[in-house]
Amino acid sequence: MPPLPPLTDSVSTDDRSELSSRKKVVINGLLITTLWVAFAGYEDPMSWIIGFPTVIAATWSRNNLSPRRNGGISIAGILRLLPVFLWESFKGGFDVARRVLRLRLEINPGLFDYRLNLSSTSARVLFVDLVSLLPGTLSADIRGDLMRIHALDLDQDSVTELGRLERRVAAVFGQSLPDKAV
């Protein structure tokens, strides 16, 4: 008769994984509930007629539909991206306002393709979203490693700006990219 395994207080790897998964669901649910309370307020209990199903659906979506991350996020990378995000948002808004208020429109609109170097899906999604903050640019389509950009002025050096922004986004996700040759 084989000996019995020793009694231990440890939890099996499968049990730990299930506990970790449950913990993520609870944490995500609490975060989404907090967001609901922050936006809808807590004074009106009737808001929970919509809020409760919304929180449940958002928690389910967050835990079941979002892509799994391959790596961590760099706090230092976020701190380096934040001023760029704020500055480019301001600069983009100012540029569009300046163009609209002029008597003669200074535009040379068109489309161009930009080759992405980012490997993670999360990094690509963030980059594609941030491109629209650059003055006069809008991400129009993405197919594989090519992103189609609509520019208000093709005479501007948008590729250099995109390269800088892509490197900042890469740093947030712990990736390093070489400078692009233009």
C-alpha atoms as a PDB file:
ATOM      1  CA  MET A   1       0.000   0.000   0.000  1.00  0.00           C
ATOM      2  CA  PRO A   2       1.525   3.354  -1.041  1.00  0.00           C
ATOM      3  CA  PRO A   3       2.049   5.929   1.686  1.00  0.00           C
ATOM      4  CA  LEU A   4      -0.471   8.736   1.976  1.00  0.00           C
ATOM      5  CA  PRO A   5       0.684  12.192   0.963  1.00  0.00           C
ATOM      6  CA  PRO A   6       1.548  14.390   3.936  1.00  0.00           C
ATOM      7  CA  LEU A   7      -1.113  16.735   5.234  1.00  0.00           C
ATOM      8  CA  THR A   8      -0.334  20.330   4.424  1.00  0.00           C
ATOM      9  CA  ASP A   9      -2.044  23.648   4.909  1.00  0.00           C
ATOM     10  CA  SER A  10      -1.098  24.765   1.427  1.00  0.00           C
ATOM     11  CA  VAL A  11      -3.611  25.315  -1.343  1.00  0.00           C
ATOM     12  CA  SER A  12      -3.106  23.576  -4.697  1.00  0.00           C
ATOM     13  CA  THR A  13      -2.074  25.573  -7.746  1.00  0.00           C
ATOM     14  CA  ASP A  14      -5.517  25.121  -9.331  1.00  0.00           C
ATOM     15  CA  ASP A  15      -7.213  26.334  -6.148  1.00  0.00           C
ATOM     16  CA  ARG A  16      -4.862  29.319  -5.995  1.00  0.00           C
ATOM     17  CA  SER A  17      -5.635  30.177  -9.604  1.00  0.00           C
ATOM     18  CA  GLU A  18      -9.371  30.000  -8.923  1.00  0.00           C
ATOM     19  CA  LEU A  19      -8.982  32.163  -5.800  1.00  0.00           C
ATOM     20  CA  SER A  20      -6.909  34.653  -7.789  1.00  0.00           C
ATOM     21  CA  SER A  21      -9.564  34.728 -10.519  1.00  0.00           C
ATOM     22  CA  ARG A  22     -12.332  35.324  -7.966  1.00  0.00           C
ATOM     23  CA  LYS A  23     -10.274  38.033  -6.335  1.00  0.00           C
ATOM     24  CA  LYS A  24      -9.899  39.803  -9.704  1.00  0.00           C
ATOM     25  CA  VAL A  25     -13.654  39.629 -10.276  1.00  0.00           C
ATOM     26  CA  VAL A  26     -14.347  41.140  -6.842  1.00  0.00           C
ATOM     27  CA  ILE A  27     -11.723  43.868  -7.273  1.00  0.00           C
ATOM     28  CA  ASN A  28     -12.963  44.756 -10.771  1.00  0.00           C
ATOM     29  CA  GLY A  29     -16.558  44.785  -9.507  1.00  0.00           C
ATOM     30  CA  LEU A  30     -15.640  47.116  -6.650  1.00  0.00           C
ATOM     31  CA  LEU A  31     -13.730  49.444  -8.968  1.00  0.00           C
ATOM     32  CA  ILE A  32     -16.602  49.624 -11.454  1.00  0.00           C
ATOM     33  CA  THR A  33     -19.106  50.149  -8.624  1.00  0.00           C
ATOM     34  CA  THR A  34     -16.935  52.987  -7.319  1.00  0.00           C
ATOM     35  CA  LEU A  35     -16.898  54.557 -10.772  1.00  0.00           C
ATOM     36  CA  TRP A  36     -20.682  54.275 -10.980  1.00  0.00           C
ATOM     37  CA  VAL A  37     -21.085  55.981  -7.599  1.00  0.00           C
ATOM     38  CA  ALA A  38     -18.588  58.686  -8.606  1.00  0.00           C
ATOM     39  CA  PHE A  39     -20.473  59.472 -11.808  1.00  0.00           C
ATOM     40  CA  ALA A  40     -24.087  58.851 -10.782  1.00  0.00           C
ATOM     41  CA  GLY A  41     -23.799  59.829  -7.132  1.00  0.00           C
ATOM     42  CA  TYR A  42     -25.177  57.969  -4.181  1.00  0.00           C
ATOM     43  CA  GLU A  43     -28.046  60.315  -3.281  1.00  0.00           C
ATOM     44  CA  ASP A  44     -30.584  58.718  -5.617  1.00  0.00           C
ATOM     45  CA  PRO A  45     -31.089  54.995  -4.981  1.00  0.00           C
ATOM     46  CA  MET A  46     -33.165  54.812  -8.188  1.00  0.00           C
ATOM     47  CA  SER A  47     -29.954  55.182 -10.188  1.00  0.00           C
ATOM     48  CA  TRP A  48     -29.202  51.568  -9.248  1.00  0.00           C
ATOM     49  CA  ILE A  49     -32.059  50.401 -11.479  1.00  0.00           C
ATOM     50  CA  ILE A  50     -29.649  51.080 -14.317  1.00  0.00           C
ATOM     51  CA  GLY A  51     -26.463  50.958 -12.242  1.00  0.00           C
ATOM     52  CA  PHE A  52     -26.714  47.397 -10.952  1.00  0.00           C
ATOM     53  CA  PRO A  53     -27.090  45.729 -14.365  1.00  0.00           C
ATOM     54  CA  THR A  54     -24.447  48.085 -15.772  1.00  0.00           C
ATOM     55  CA  VAL A  55     -21.947  47.188 -13.055  1.00  0.00           C
ATOM     56  CA  ILE A  56     -22.629  43.464 -13.539  1.00  0.00           C
ATOM     57  CA  ALA A  57     -22.260  43.709 -17.332  1.00  0.00           C
ATOM     58  CA  ALA A  58     -19.121  45.847 -17.106  1.00  0.00           C
ATOM     59  CA  THR A  59     -17.527  43.523 -14.554  1.00  0.00           C
ATOM     60  CA  TRP A  60     -18.343  40.477 -16.684  1.00  0.00           C
ATOM     61  CA  SER A  61     -16.979  42.222 -19.805  1.00  0.00           C
ATOM     62  CA  ARG A  62     -13.813  43.324 -18.031  1.00  0.00           C
ATOM     63  CA  ASN A  63     -13.086  39.826 -16.801  1.00  0.00           C
ATOM     64  CA  ASN A  64     -14.120  37.849 -19.873  1.00  0.00           C
ATOM     65  CA  LEU A  65     -13.592  40.033 -22.932  1.00  0.00           C
ATOM     66  CA  SER A  66     -10.476  42.068 -22.226  1.00  0.00           C
ATOM     67  CA  PRO A  67      -7.218  40.701 -23.631  1.00  0.00           C
ATOM     68  CA  ARG A  68      -4.792  39.142 -21.187  1.00  0.00           C
ATOM     69  CA  ARG A  69      -1.680  41.194 -20.667  1.00  0.00           C
ATOM     70  CA  ASN A  70       1.649  39.696 -21.531  1.00  0.00           C
ATOM     71  CA  GLY A  71       3.637  41.965 -19.293  1.00  0.00           C
ATOM     72  CA  GLY A  72       3.375  44.683 -16.745  1.00  0.00           C
ATOM     73  CA  ILE A  73       2.964  48.370 -17.131  1.00  0.00           C
ATOM     74  CA  SER A  74       5.838  50.674 -16.276  1.00  0.00           C
ATOM     75  CA  ILE A  75       4.936  53.471 -13.852  1.00  0.00           C
ATOM     76  CA  ALA A  76       8.003  55.394 -15.041  1.00  0.00           C
ATOM     77  CA  GLY A  77       6.779  54.992 -18.631  1.00  0.00           C
ATOM     78  CA  ILE A  78       3.350  56.332 -17.666  1.00  0.00           C
ATOM     79  CA  LEU A  79       4.947  59.305 -15.912  1.00  0.00           C
ATOM     80  CA  ARG A  80       6.984  60.077 -19.046  1.00  0.00           C
ATOM     81  CA  LEU A  81       3.895  59.716 -21.270  1.00  0.00           C
ATOM     82  CA  LEU A  82       1.578  61.876 -19.145  1.00  0.00           C
ATOM     83  CA  PRO A  83       3.196  65.270 -19.905  1.00  0.00           C
ATOM     84  CA  VAL A  84       3.384  64.338 -23.600  1.00  0.00           C
ATOM     85  CA  PHE A  85      -0.308  63.379 -23.527  1.00  0.00           C
ATOM     86  CA  LEU A  86      -1.287  66.683 -21.888  1.00  0.00           C
ATOM     87  CA  TRP A  87       0.950  68.803 -24.128  1.00  0.00           C
ATOM     88  CA  GLU A  88      -0.101  67.100 -27.358  1.00  0.00           C
ATOM     89  CA  SER A  89      -3.779  67.373 -26.376  1.00  0.00           C
ATOM     90  CA  PHE A  90      -3.375  71.109 -25.810  1.00  0.00           C
ATOM     91  CA  LYS A  91      -1.260  71.576 -28.936  1.00  0.00           C
ATOM     92  CA  GLY A  92      -3.724  69.585 -31.079  1.00  0.00           C
ATOM     93  CA  GLY A  93      -6.715  71.604 -29.862  1.00  0.00           C
ATOM     94  CA  PHE A  94      -4.859  74.884 -30.322  1.00  0.00           C
ATOM     95  CA  ASP A  95      -3.733  73.924 -33.841  1.00  0.00           C
ATOM     96  CA  VAL A  96      -7.246  73.036 -34.967  1.00  0.00           C
ATOM     97  CA  ALA A  97      -8.702  76.213 -33.411  1.00  0.00           C
ATOM     98  CA  ARG A  98      -5.981  78.312 -35.098  1.00  0.00           C
ATOM     99  CA  ARG A  99      -6.714  76.756 -38.482  1.00  0.00           C
ATOM    100  CA  VAL A 100     -10.473  77.268 -38.137  1.00  0.00           C
ATOM    101  CA  LEU A 101     -10.197  80.918 -37.074  1.00  0.00           C
ATOM    102  CA  ARG A 102      -7.938  81.944 -39.963  1.00  0.00           C
ATOM    103  CA  LEU A 103      -9.525  83.525 -43.011  1.00  0.00           C
ATOM    104  CA  ARG A 104      -7.623  81.240 -45.357  1.00  0.00           C
ATOM    105  CA  LEU A 105      -7.543  77.560 -44.464  1.00  0.00           C
ATOM    106  CA  GLU A 106      -3.977  76.291 -44.274  1.00  0.00           C
ATOM    107  CA  ILE A 107      -4.502  72.629 -44.971  1.00  0.00           C
ATOM    108  CA  ASN A 108      -3.188  69.994 -47.308  1.00  0.00           C
ATOM    109  CA  PRO A 109      -5.280  66.989 -46.240  1.00  0.00           C
ATOM    110  CA  GLY A 110      -4.529  63.429 -47.150  1.00  0.00           C
ATOM    111  CA  LEU A 111      -3.825  59.898 -46.019  1.00  0.00           C
ATOM    112  CA  PHE A 112      -0.538  58.161 -45.354  1.00  0.00           C
ATOM    113  CA  ASP A 113       0.524  54.812 -43.879  1.00  0.00           C
ATOM    114  CA  TYR A 114       2.608  54.377 -40.746  1.00  0.00           C
ATOM    115  CA  ARG A 115       4.317  51.068 -39.909  1.00  0.00           C
ATOM    116  CA  LEU A 116       3.788  50.032 -36.284  1.00  0.00           C
ATOM    117  CA  ASN A 117       6.628  48.564 -34.239  1.00  0.00           C
ATOM    118  CA  LEU A 118       4.624  47.901 -31.070  1.00  0.00           C
ATOM    119  CA  SER A 119       4.117  44.211 -30.398  1.00  0.00           C
ATOM    120  CA  SER A 120       1.511  44.052 -27.626  1.00  0.00           C
ATOM    121  CA  THR A 121      -2.162  44.580 -28.403  1.00  0.00           C
ATOM    122  CA  SER A 122      -2.631  46.871 -25.401  1.00  0.00           C
ATOM    123  CA  ALA A 123       0.239  49.102 -26.514  1.00  0.00           C
ATOM    124  CA  ARG A 124      -1.150  49.289 -30.050  1.00  0.00           C
ATOM    125  CA  VAL A 125      -4.630  50.210 -28.828  1.00  0.00           C
ATOM    126  CA  LEU A 126      -3.235  52.999 -26.643  1.00  0.00           C
ATOM    127  CA  PHE A 127      -1.058  54.294 -29.472  1.00  0.00           C
ATOM    128  CA  VAL A 128      -3.879  54.279 -32.040  1.00  0.00           C
ATOM    129  CA  ASP A 129      -6.080  56.207 -29.592  1.00  0.00           C
ATOM    130  CA  LEU A 130      -3.363  58.748 -28.786  1.00  0.00           C
ATOM    131  CA  VAL A 131      -2.559  59.433 -32.459  1.00  0.00           C
ATOM    132  CA  SER A 132      -5.750  61.460 -32.728  1.00  0.00           C
ATOM    133  CA  LEU A 133      -4.361  63.863 -30.126  1.00  0.00           C
ATOM    134  CA  LEU A 134      -1.448  64.909 -32.287  1.00  0.00           C
ATOM    135  CA  PRO A 135      -2.085  68.151 -34.137  1.00  0.00           C
ATOM    136  CA  GLY A 136      -3.954  67.437 -37.361  1.00  0.00           C
ATOM    137  CA  THR A 137      -3.827  63.625 -37.256  1.00  0.00           C
ATOM    138  CA  LEU A 138      -6.480  60.969 -36.938  1.00  0.00           C
ATOM    139  CA  SER A 139      -6.011  57.209 -36.994  1.00  0.00           C
ATOM    140  CA  ALA A 140      -8.319  56.039 -39.760  1.00  0.00           C
ATOM    141  CA  ASP A 141      -7.611  52.305 -40.135  1.00  0.00           C
ATOM    142  CA  ILE A 142      -5.239  49.580 -39.009  1.00  0.00           C
ATOM    143  CA  ARG A 143      -4.380  46.401 -40.892  1.00  0.00           C
ATOM    144  CA  GLY A 144      -1.622  44.214 -39.545  1.00  0.00           C
ATOM    145  CA  ASP A 145       1.402  46.427 -38.912  1.00  0.00           C
ATOM    146  CA  LEU A 146       0.150  49.330 -41.056  1.00  0.00           C
ATOM    147  CA  MET A 147      -1.906  52.150 -39.642  1.00  0.00           C
ATOM    148  CA  ARG A 148      -3.591  54.542 -42.035  1.00  0.00           C
ATOM    149  CA  ILE A 149      -3.452  58.141 -40.813  1.00  0.00           C
ATOM    150  CA  HIS A 150      -5.579  61.046 -41.994  1.00  0.00           C
ATOM    151  CA  ALA A 151      -3.635  64.298 -41.738  1.00  0.00           C
ATOM    152  CA  LEU A 152      -4.903  67.852 -42.060  1.00  0.00           C
ATOM    153  CA  ASP A 153      -1.559  68.894 -43.482  1.00  0.00           C
ATOM    154  CA  LEU A 154       0.678  66.431 -45.309  1.00  0.00           C
ATOM    155  CA  ASP A 155       3.412  69.093 -45.324  1.00  0.00           C
ATOM    156  CA  GLN A 156       3.918  68.644 -41.556  1.00  0.00           C
ATOM    157  CA  ASP A 157       6.419  66.050 -40.340  1.00  0.00           C
ATOM    158  CA  SER A 158       3.836  63.779 -38.709  1.00  0.00           C
ATOM    159  CA  VAL A 159       5.960  60.627 -39.036  1.00  0.00           C
ATOM    160  CA  THR A 160       8.603  61.976 -36.635  1.00  0.00           C
ATOM    161  CA  GLU A 161       5.924  62.912 -34.096  1.00  0.00           C
ATOM    162  CA  LEU A 162       4.310  59.499 -34.453  1.00  0.00           C
ATOM    163  CA  GLY A 163       7.665  57.815 -33.884  1.00  0.00           C
ATOM    164  CA  ARG A 164       8.246  59.806 -30.691  1.00  0.00           C
ATOM    165  CA  LEU A 165       4.773  58.974 -29.420  1.00  0.00           C
ATOM    166  CA  GLU A 166       5.159  55.288 -30.304  1.00  0.00           C
ATOM    167  CA  ARG A 167       8.420  55.092 -28.324  1.00  0.00           C
ATOM    168  CA  ARG A 168       6.710  56.703 -25.297  1.00  0.00           C
ATOM    169  CA  VAL A 169       3.844  54.210 -25.486  1.00  0.00           C
ATOM    170  CA  ALA A 170       6.334  51.348 -25.852  1.00  0.00           C
ATOM    171  CA  ALA A 171       8.058  52.494 -22.644  1.00  0.00           C
ATOM    172  CA  VAL A 172       4.737  52.296 -20.782  1.00  0.00           C
ATOM    173  CA  PHE A 173       4.578  48.595 -21.684  1.00  0.00           C
ATOM    174  CA  GLY A 174       8.250  47.871 -21.024  1.00  0.00           C
ATOM    175  CA  GLN A 175       9.212  47.762 -24.690  1.00  0.00           C
ATOM    176  CA  SER A 176      12.023  49.766 -26.262  1.00  0.00           C
ATOM    177  CA  LEU A 177      11.895  50.827 -29.877  1.00  0.00           C
ATOM    178  CA  PRO A 178      14.680  52.209 -32.061  1.00  0.00           C
ATOM    179  CA  ASP A 179      14.424  55.667 -33.575  1.00  0.00           C
ATOM    180  CA  LYS A 180      12.725  55.461 -36.972  1.00  0.00           C
ATOM    181  CA  ALA A 181      14.611  56.558 -40.035  1.00  0.00           C
ATOM    182  CA  VAL A 182      12.411  58.965 -41.944  1.00  0.00           C
END
